[in-house]
PDB file of all heavy atoms in Angstrom:
ATOM      1  N   ASP A   1     -16.912  10.063  -7.570  1.00  0.00           N
ATOM      2  CA  ASP A   1     -16.165  10.086  -6.319  1.00  0.00           C
ATOM      3  C   ASP A   1     -14.952   9.168  -6.426  1.00  0.00           C
ATOM      4  O   ASP A   1     -14.791   8.418  -7.387  1.00  0.00           O
ATOM      5  CB  ASP A   1     -17.026   9.708  -5.112  1.00  0.00           C
ATOM      6  CG  ASP A   1     -17.621   8.312  -5.208  1.00  0.00           C
ATOM      7  OD1 ASP A   1     -16.935   7.415  -5.710  1.00  0.00           O
ATOM      8  OD2 ASP A   1     -18.773   8.128  -4.776  1.00  0.00           O
ATOM      9  N   VAL A   2     -14.099   9.260  -5.420  1.00  0.00           N
ATOM     10  CA  VAL A   2     -12.885   8.457  -5.332  1.00  0.00           C
ATOM     11  C   VAL A   2     -12.931   7.684  -4.025  1.00  0.00           C
ATOM     12  O   VAL A   2     -13.111   8.274  -2.962  1.00  0.00           O
ATOM     13  CB  VAL A   2     -11.629   9.350  -5.370  1.00  0.00           C
ATOM     14  CG1 VAL A   2     -10.373   8.490  -5.305  1.00  0.00           C
ATOM     15  CG2 VAL A   2     -11.621  10.228  -6.619  1.00  0.00           C
ATOM     16  N   GLN A   3     -12.798   6.367  -4.091  1.00  0.00           N
ATOM     17  CA  GLN A   3     -12.881   5.515  -2.907  1.00  0.00           C
ATOM     18  C   GLN A   3     -11.505   4.986  -2.551  1.00  0.00           C
ATOM     19  O   GLN A   3     -10.818   4.379  -3.377  1.00  0.00           O
ATOM     20  CB  GLN A   3     -13.836   4.346  -3.143  1.00  0.00           C
ATOM     21  CG  GLN A   3     -13.958   3.405  -1.956  1.00  0.00           C
ATOM     22  CD  GLN A   3     -14.832   2.203  -2.267  1.00  0.00           C
ATOM     23  OE1 GLN A   3     -15.329   2.061  -3.374  1.00  0.00           O
ATOM     24  NE2 GLN A   3     -15.002   1.334  -1.285  1.00  0.00           N
ATOM     25  N   GLN A   4     -11.081   5.213  -1.326  1.00  0.00           N
ATOM     26  CA  GLN A   4      -9.825   4.672  -0.828  1.00  0.00           C
ATOM     27  C   GLN A   4     -10.044   3.229  -0.398  1.00  0.00           C
ATOM     28  O   GLN A   4     -11.019   2.921   0.281  1.00  0.00           O
ATOM     29  CB  GLN A   4      -9.325   5.512   0.341  1.00  0.00           C
ATOM     30  CG  GLN A   4      -7.982   5.085   0.904  1.00  0.00           C
ATOM     31  CD  GLN A   4      -7.490   6.059   1.953  1.00  0.00           C
ATOM     32  OE1 GLN A   4      -7.524   7.260   1.762  1.00  0.00           O
ATOM     33  NE2 GLN A   4      -7.044   5.528   3.092  1.00  0.00           N
ATOM     34  N   ILE A   5      -9.140   2.332  -0.787  1.00  0.00           N
ATOM     35  CA  ILE A   5      -9.307   0.905  -0.518  1.00  0.00           C
ATOM     36  C   ILE A   5      -8.645   0.504   0.789  1.00  0.00           C
ATOM     37  O   ILE A   5      -9.197  -0.279   1.557  1.00  0.00           O
ATOM     38  CB  ILE A   5      -8.731   0.062  -1.672  1.00  0.00           C
ATOM     39  CG1 ILE A   5      -9.403   0.463  -2.993  1.00  0.00           C
ATOM     40  CG2 ILE A   5      -8.930  -1.421  -1.407  1.00  0.00           C
ATOM     41  CD1 ILE A   5     -10.903   0.320  -2.999  1.00  0.00           C
ATOM     42  N   LEU A   6      -7.466   1.037   1.072  1.00  0.00           N
ATOM     43  CA  LEU A   6      -6.736   0.663   2.279  1.00  0.00           C
ATOM     44  C   LEU A   6      -7.016   1.650   3.409  1.00  0.00           C
ATOM     45  O   LEU A   6      -7.032   2.858   3.183  1.00  0.00           O
ATOM     46  CB  LEU A   6      -5.232   0.652   1.995  1.00  0.00           C
ATOM     47  CG  LEU A   6      -4.744  -0.370   0.969  1.00  0.00           C
ATOM     48  CD1 LEU A   6      -3.260  -0.170   0.713  1.00  0.00           C
ATOM     49  CD2 LEU A   6      -5.003  -1.777   1.457  1.00  0.00           C
ATOM     50  N   PRO A   7      -7.198   1.175   4.634  1.00  0.00           N
ATOM     51  CA  PRO A   7      -7.385   2.103   5.758  1.00  0.00           C
ATOM     52  C   PRO A   7      -6.213   3.063   5.917  1.00  0.00           C
ATOM     53  O   PRO A   7      -6.388   4.222   6.263  1.00  0.00           O
ATOM     54  CB  PRO A   7      -7.518   1.165   6.961  1.00  0.00           C
ATOM     55  CG  PRO A   7      -8.006  -0.114   6.377  1.00  0.00           C
ATOM     56  CD  PRO A   7      -7.366  -0.221   5.029  1.00  0.00           C
ATOM     57  N   ASP A   8      -4.991   2.582   5.674  1.00  0.00           N
ATOM     58  CA  ASP A   8      -3.806   3.436   5.681  1.00  0.00           C
ATOM     59  C   ASP A   8      -3.327   3.560   4.242  1.00  0.00           C
ATOM     60  O   ASP A   8      -2.809   2.611   3.659  1.00  0.00           O
ATOM     61  CB  ASP A   8      -2.716   2.821   6.557  1.00  0.00           C
ATOM     62  CG  ASP A   8      -1.471   3.705   6.628  1.00  0.00           C
ATOM     63  OD1 ASP A   8      -1.422   4.736   5.932  1.00  0.00           O
ATOM     64  OD2 ASP A   8      -0.548   3.355   7.392  1.00  0.00           O
ATOM     65  N   LYS A   9      -3.485   4.733   3.666  1.00  0.00           N
ATOM     66  CA  LYS A   9      -3.157   4.884   2.250  1.00  0.00           C
ATOM     67  C   LYS A   9      -1.663   4.705   1.984  1.00  0.00           C
ATOM     68  O   LYS A   9      -1.261   4.441   0.851  1.00  0.00           O
ATOM     69  CB  LYS A   9      -3.626   6.238   1.742  1.00  0.00           C
ATOM     70  CG  LYS A   9      -2.783   7.428   2.144  1.00  0.00           C
ATOM     71  CD  LYS A   9      -3.269   8.676   1.422  1.00  0.00           C
ATOM     72  CE  LYS A   9      -2.320   9.838   1.578  1.00  0.00           C
ATOM     73  NZ  LYS A   9      -2.758  11.001   0.779  1.00  0.00           N
ATOM     74  N   TRP A  10      -0.820   4.841   3.030  1.00  0.00           N
ATOM     75  CA  TRP A  10       0.618   4.707   2.853  1.00  0.00           C
ATOM     76  C   TRP A  10       1.099   3.274   3.083  1.00  0.00           C
ATOM     77  O   TRP A  10       2.301   3.031   3.163  1.00  0.00           O
ATOM     78  CB  TRP A  10       1.340   5.631   3.828  1.00  0.00           C
ATOM     79  CG  TRP A  10       0.996   7.075   3.670  1.00  0.00           C
ATOM     80  CD1 TRP A  10       0.231   7.845   4.511  1.00  0.00           C
ATOM     81  CD2 TRP A  10       1.384   7.938   2.599  1.00  0.00           C
ATOM     82  NE1 TRP A  10       0.124   9.125   4.035  1.00  0.00           N
ATOM     83  CE2 TRP A  10       0.824   9.218   2.862  1.00  0.00           C
ATOM     84  CE3 TRP A  10       2.155   7.764   1.447  1.00  0.00           C
ATOM     85  CZ2 TRP A  10       1.007  10.302   2.018  1.00  0.00           C
ATOM     86  CZ3 TRP A  10       2.344   8.844   0.602  1.00  0.00           C
ATOM     87  CH2 TRP A  10       1.783  10.100   0.879  1.00  0.00           C
ATOM     88  N   GLN A  11       0.192   2.311   3.176  1.00  0.00           N
ATOM     89  CA  GLN A  11       0.575   0.959   3.575  1.00  0.00           C
ATOM     90  C   GLN A  11       1.624   0.362   2.642  1.00  0.00           C
ATOM     91  O   GLN A  11       2.608  -0.239   3.095  1.00  0.00           O
ATOM     92  CB  GLN A  11      -0.654   0.049   3.603  1.00  0.00           C
ATOM     93  CG  GLN A  11      -0.393  -1.321   4.212  1.00  0.00           C
ATOM     94  CD  GLN A  11       0.018  -1.215   5.667  1.00  0.00           C
ATOM     95  OE1 GLN A  11      -0.692  -0.619   6.470  1.00  0.00           O
ATOM     96  NE2 GLN A  11       1.173  -1.769   6.005  1.00  0.00           N
ATOM     97  N   ARG A  12       1.442   0.519   1.356  1.00  0.00           N
ATOM     98  CA  ARG A  12       2.395  -0.081   0.413  1.00  0.00           C
ATOM     99  C   ARG A  12       3.779   0.542   0.588  1.00  0.00           C
ATOM    100  O   ARG A  12       4.785  -0.175   0.612  1.00  0.00           O
ATOM    101  CB  ARG A  12       1.909   0.099  -1.021  1.00  0.00           C
ATOM    102  CG  ARG A  12       2.876  -0.485  -2.049  1.00  0.00           C
ATOM    103  CD  ARG A  12       2.428  -0.265  -3.475  1.00  0.00           C
ATOM    104  NE  ARG A  12       3.484  -0.611  -4.402  1.00  0.00           N
ATOM    105  CZ  ARG A  12       3.466  -0.326  -5.699  1.00  0.00           C
ATOM    106  NH1 ARG A  12       2.433   0.297  -6.226  1.00  0.00           N
ATOM    107  NH2 ARG A  12       4.475  -0.665  -6.466  1.00  0.00           N
ATOM    108  N   LEU A  13       3.850   1.864   0.719  1.00  0.00           N
ATOM    109  CA  LEU A  13       5.134   2.527   0.881  1.00  0.00           C
ATOM    110  C   LEU A  13       5.793   2.118   2.204  1.00  0.00           C
ATOM    111  O   LEU A  13       6.996   1.851   2.255  1.00  0.00           O
ATOM    112  CB  LEU A  13       4.947   4.044   0.832  1.00  0.00           C
ATOM    113  CG  LEU A  13       6.215   4.886   1.006  1.00  0.00           C
ATOM    114  CD1 LEU A  13       7.237   4.542  -0.068  1.00  0.00           C
ATOM    115  CD2 LEU A  13       5.867   6.380   0.971  1.00  0.00           C
ATOM    116  N   LYS A  14       5.001   2.052   3.268  1.00  0.00           N
ATOM    117  CA  LYS A  14       5.563   1.664   4.566  1.00  0.00           C
ATOM    118  C   LYS A  14       6.088   0.230   4.545  1.00  0.00           C
ATOM    119  O   LYS A  14       7.162  -0.063   5.094  1.00  0.00           O
ATOM    120  CB  LYS A  14       4.500   1.813   5.657  1.00  0.00           C
ATOM    121  CG  LYS A  14       4.161   3.245   6.013  1.00  0.00           C
ATOM    122  CD  LYS A  14       3.083   3.264   7.095  1.00  0.00           C
ATOM    123  CE  LYS A  14       2.704   4.663   7.492  1.00  0.00           C
ATOM    124  NZ  LYS A  14       1.634   4.672   8.529  1.00  0.00           N
ATOM    125  N   ASP A  15       5.334  -0.672   3.932  1.00  0.00           N
ATOM    126  CA  ASP A  15       5.778  -2.058   3.858  1.00  0.00           C
ATOM    127  C   ASP A  15       7.109  -2.148   3.117  1.00  0.00           C
ATOM    128  O   ASP A  15       8.014  -2.896   3.504  1.00  0.00           O
ATOM    129  CB  ASP A  15       4.725  -2.919   3.151  1.00  0.00           C
ATOM    130  CG  ASP A  15       3.493  -3.162   4.001  1.00  0.00           C
ATOM    131  OD1 ASP A  15       3.554  -2.902   5.223  1.00  0.00           O
ATOM    132  OD2 ASP A  15       2.472  -3.597   3.444  1.00  0.00           O
ATOM    133  N   TRP A  16       7.220  -1.385   2.037  1.00  0.00           N
ATOM    134  CA  TRP A  16       8.461  -1.392   1.261  1.00  0.00           C
ATOM    135  C   TRP A  16       9.608  -0.814   2.084  1.00  0.00           C
ATOM    136  O   TRP A  16      10.720  -1.356   2.086  1.00  0.00           O
ATOM    137  CB  TRP A  16       8.273  -0.586  -0.026  1.00  0.00           C
ATOM    138  CG  TRP A  16       9.501  -0.591  -0.891  1.00  0.00           C
ATOM    139  CD1 TRP A  16       9.866  -1.536  -1.797  1.00  0.00           C
ATOM    140  CD2 TRP A  16      10.535   0.406  -0.907  1.00  0.00           C
ATOM    141  NE1 TRP A  16      11.057  -1.196  -2.388  1.00  0.00           N
ATOM    142  CE2 TRP A  16      11.492  -0.004  -1.856  1.00  0.00           C
ATOM    143  CE3 TRP A  16      10.738   1.597  -0.226  1.00  0.00           C
ATOM    144  CZ2 TRP A  16      12.635   0.744  -2.143  1.00  0.00           C
ATOM    145  CZ3 TRP A  16      11.875   2.342  -0.505  1.00  0.00           C
ATOM    146  CH2 TRP A  16      12.812   1.916  -1.441  1.00  0.00           C
ATOM    147  N   MET A  17       9.353   0.280   2.790  1.00  0.00           N
ATOM    148  CA  MET A  17      10.407   0.903   3.592  1.00  0.00           C
ATOM    149  C   MET A  17      10.887  -0.030   4.693  1.00  0.00           C
ATOM    150  O   MET A  17      12.089  -0.129   4.967  1.00  0.00           O
ATOM    151  CB  MET A  17       9.900   2.214   4.188  1.00  0.00           C
ATOM    152  CG  MET A  17       9.658   3.312   3.171  1.00  0.00           C
ATOM    153  SD  MET A  17       9.056   4.851   3.918  1.00  0.00           S
ATOM    154  CE  MET A  17      10.539   5.394   4.767  1.00  0.00           C
ATOM    155  N   LYS A  18       9.961  -0.723   5.362  1.00  0.00           N
ATOM    156  CA  LYS A  18      10.359  -1.640   6.427  1.00  0.00           C
ATOM    157  C   LYS A  18      11.284  -2.729   5.882  1.00  0.00           C
ATOM    158  O   LYS A  18      12.271  -3.100   6.520  1.00  0.00           O
ATOM    159  CB  LYS A  18       9.116  -2.267   7.073  1.00  0.00           C
ATOM    160  CG  LYS A  18       8.375  -1.330   7.995  1.00  0.00           C
ATOM    161  CD  LYS A  18       7.313  -2.042   8.813  1.00  0.00           C
ATOM    162  CE  LYS A  18       6.150  -2.501   7.951  1.00  0.00           C
ATOM    163  NZ  LYS A  18       5.053  -3.073   8.770  1.00  0.00           N
ATOM    164  N   GLN A  19      10.958  -3.242   4.702  1.00  0.00           N
ATOM    165  CA  GLN A  19      11.766  -4.309   4.128  1.00  0.00           C
ATOM    166  C   GLN A  19      13.081  -3.775   3.565  1.00  0.00           C
ATOM    167  O   GLN A  19      14.149  -4.330   3.821  1.00  0.00           O
ATOM    168  CB  GLN A  19      10.979  -5.015   3.024  1.00  0.00           C
ATOM    169  CG  GLN A  19      11.765  -6.122   2.336  1.00  0.00           C
ATOM    170  CD  GLN A  19      10.924  -6.831   1.283  1.00  0.00           C
ATOM    171  OE1 GLN A  19       9.736  -6.610   1.166  1.00  0.00           O
ATOM    172  NE2 GLN A  19      11.567  -7.698   0.514  1.00  0.00           N
ATOM    173  N   GLU A  20      13.005  -2.676   2.831  1.00  0.00           N
ATOM    174  CA  GLU A  20      14.183  -2.143   2.154  1.00  0.00           C
ATOM    175  C   GLU A  20      15.193  -1.565   3.141  1.00  0.00           C
ATOM    176  O   GLU A  20      16.403  -1.729   2.972  1.00  0.00           O
ATOM    177  CB  GLU A  20      13.757  -1.064   1.155  1.00  0.00           C
ATOM    178  CG  GLU A  20      14.880  -0.541   0.274  1.00  0.00           C
ATOM    179  CD  GLU A  20      15.347  -1.542  -0.761  1.00  0.00           C
ATOM    180  OE1 GLU A  20      14.686  -2.589  -0.928  1.00  0.00           O
ATOM    181  OE2 GLU A  20      16.383  -1.290  -1.406  1.00  0.00           O
ATOM    182  N   TYR A  21      14.700  -0.890   4.181  1.00  0.00           N
ATOM    183  CA  TYR A  21      15.586  -0.241   5.138  1.00  0.00           C
ATOM    184  C   TYR A  21      15.787  -1.077   6.398  1.00  0.00           C
ATOM    185  O   TYR A  21      16.465  -0.650   7.325  1.00  0.00           O
ATOM    186  CB  TYR A  21      15.025   1.126   5.538  1.00  0.00           C
ATOM    187  CG  TYR A  21      14.769   2.046   4.368  1.00  0.00           C
ATOM    188  CD1 TYR A  21      13.668   2.893   4.367  1.00  0.00           C
ATOM    189  CD2 TYR A  21      15.609   2.071   3.261  1.00  0.00           C
ATOM    190  CE1 TYR A  21      13.414   3.749   3.308  1.00  0.00           C
ATOM    191  CE2 TYR A  21      15.362   2.918   2.184  1.00  0.00           C
ATOM    192  CZ  TYR A  21      14.267   3.750   2.213  1.00  0.00           C
ATOM    193  OH  TYR A  21      14.022   4.586   1.165  1.00  0.00           O
ATOM    194  N   ASN A  22      15.159  -2.257   6.439  1.00  0.00           N
ATOM    195  CA  ASN A  22      15.279  -3.160   7.589  1.00  0.00           C
ATOM    196  C   ASN A  22      14.869  -2.452   8.879  1.00  0.00           C
ATOM    197  O   ASN A  22      15.525  -2.572   9.913  1.00  0.00           O
ATOM    198  CB  ASN A  22      16.716  -3.685   7.697  1.00  0.00           C
ATOM    199  CG  ASN A  22      16.802  -4.952   8.535  1.00  0.00           C
ATOM    200  OD1 ASN A  22      15.808  -5.653   8.719  1.00  0.00           O
ATOM    201  ND2 ASN A  22      17.988  -5.246   9.044  1.00  0.00           N
ATOM    202  N   LEU A  23      13.775  -1.709   8.809  1.00  0.00           N
ATOM    203  CA  LEU A  23      13.260  -1.011   9.974  1.00  0.00           C
ATOM    204  C   LEU A  23      12.523  -1.990  10.879  1.00  0.00           C
ATOM    205  O   LEU A  23      11.893  -2.947  10.413  1.00  0.00           O
ATOM    206  CB  LEU A  23      12.304   0.108   9.561  1.00  0.00           C
ATOM    207  CG  LEU A  23      12.886   1.261   8.738  1.00  0.00           C
ATOM    208  CD1 LEU A  23      11.773   2.211   8.327  1.00  0.00           C
ATOM    209  CD2 LEU A  23      13.942   2.004   9.532  1.00  0.00           C
ATOM    210  N   GLU A  24      12.587  -1.760  12.186  1.00  0.00           N
ATOM    211  CA  GLU A  24      11.804  -2.567  13.095  1.00  0.00           C
ATOM    212  C   GLU A  24      10.326  -2.245  12.932  1.00  0.00           C
ATOM    213  O   GLU A  24       9.952  -1.172  12.469  1.00  0.00           O
ATOM    214  CB  GLU A  24      12.241  -2.306  14.542  1.00  0.00           C
ATOM    215  CG  GLU A  24      13.632  -2.840  14.845  1.00  0.00           C
ATOM    216  CD  GLU A  24      13.970  -2.721  16.312  1.00  0.00           C
ATOM    217  OE1 GLU A  24      13.169  -2.140  17.067  1.00  0.00           O
ATOM    218  OE2 GLU A  24      15.041  -3.221  16.712  1.00  0.00           O
ATOM    219  N   ASN A  25       9.507  -3.179  13.334  1.00  0.00           N
ATOM    220  CA  ASN A  25       8.062  -3.036  13.126  1.00  0.00           C
ATOM    221  C   ASN A  25       7.461  -2.126  14.198  1.00  0.00           C
ATOM    222  O   ASN A  25       6.600  -2.516  14.970  1.00  0.00           O
ATOM    223  CB  ASN A  25       7.397  -4.419  13.139  1.00  0.00           C
ATOM    224  CG  ASN A  25       5.983  -4.366  12.597  1.00  0.00           C
ATOM    225  OD1 ASN A  25       5.655  -3.475  11.806  1.00  0.00           O
ATOM    226  ND2 ASN A  25       5.170  -5.306  13.006  1.00  0.00           N
TER     227      ASN A  25
END
């Protein structure tokens, strides 16, 4: 089986986008 570690699988990408694009939280 495959186990997902983060509740939101896109967390790393979203964190990067917020910082890189200066998006509001």
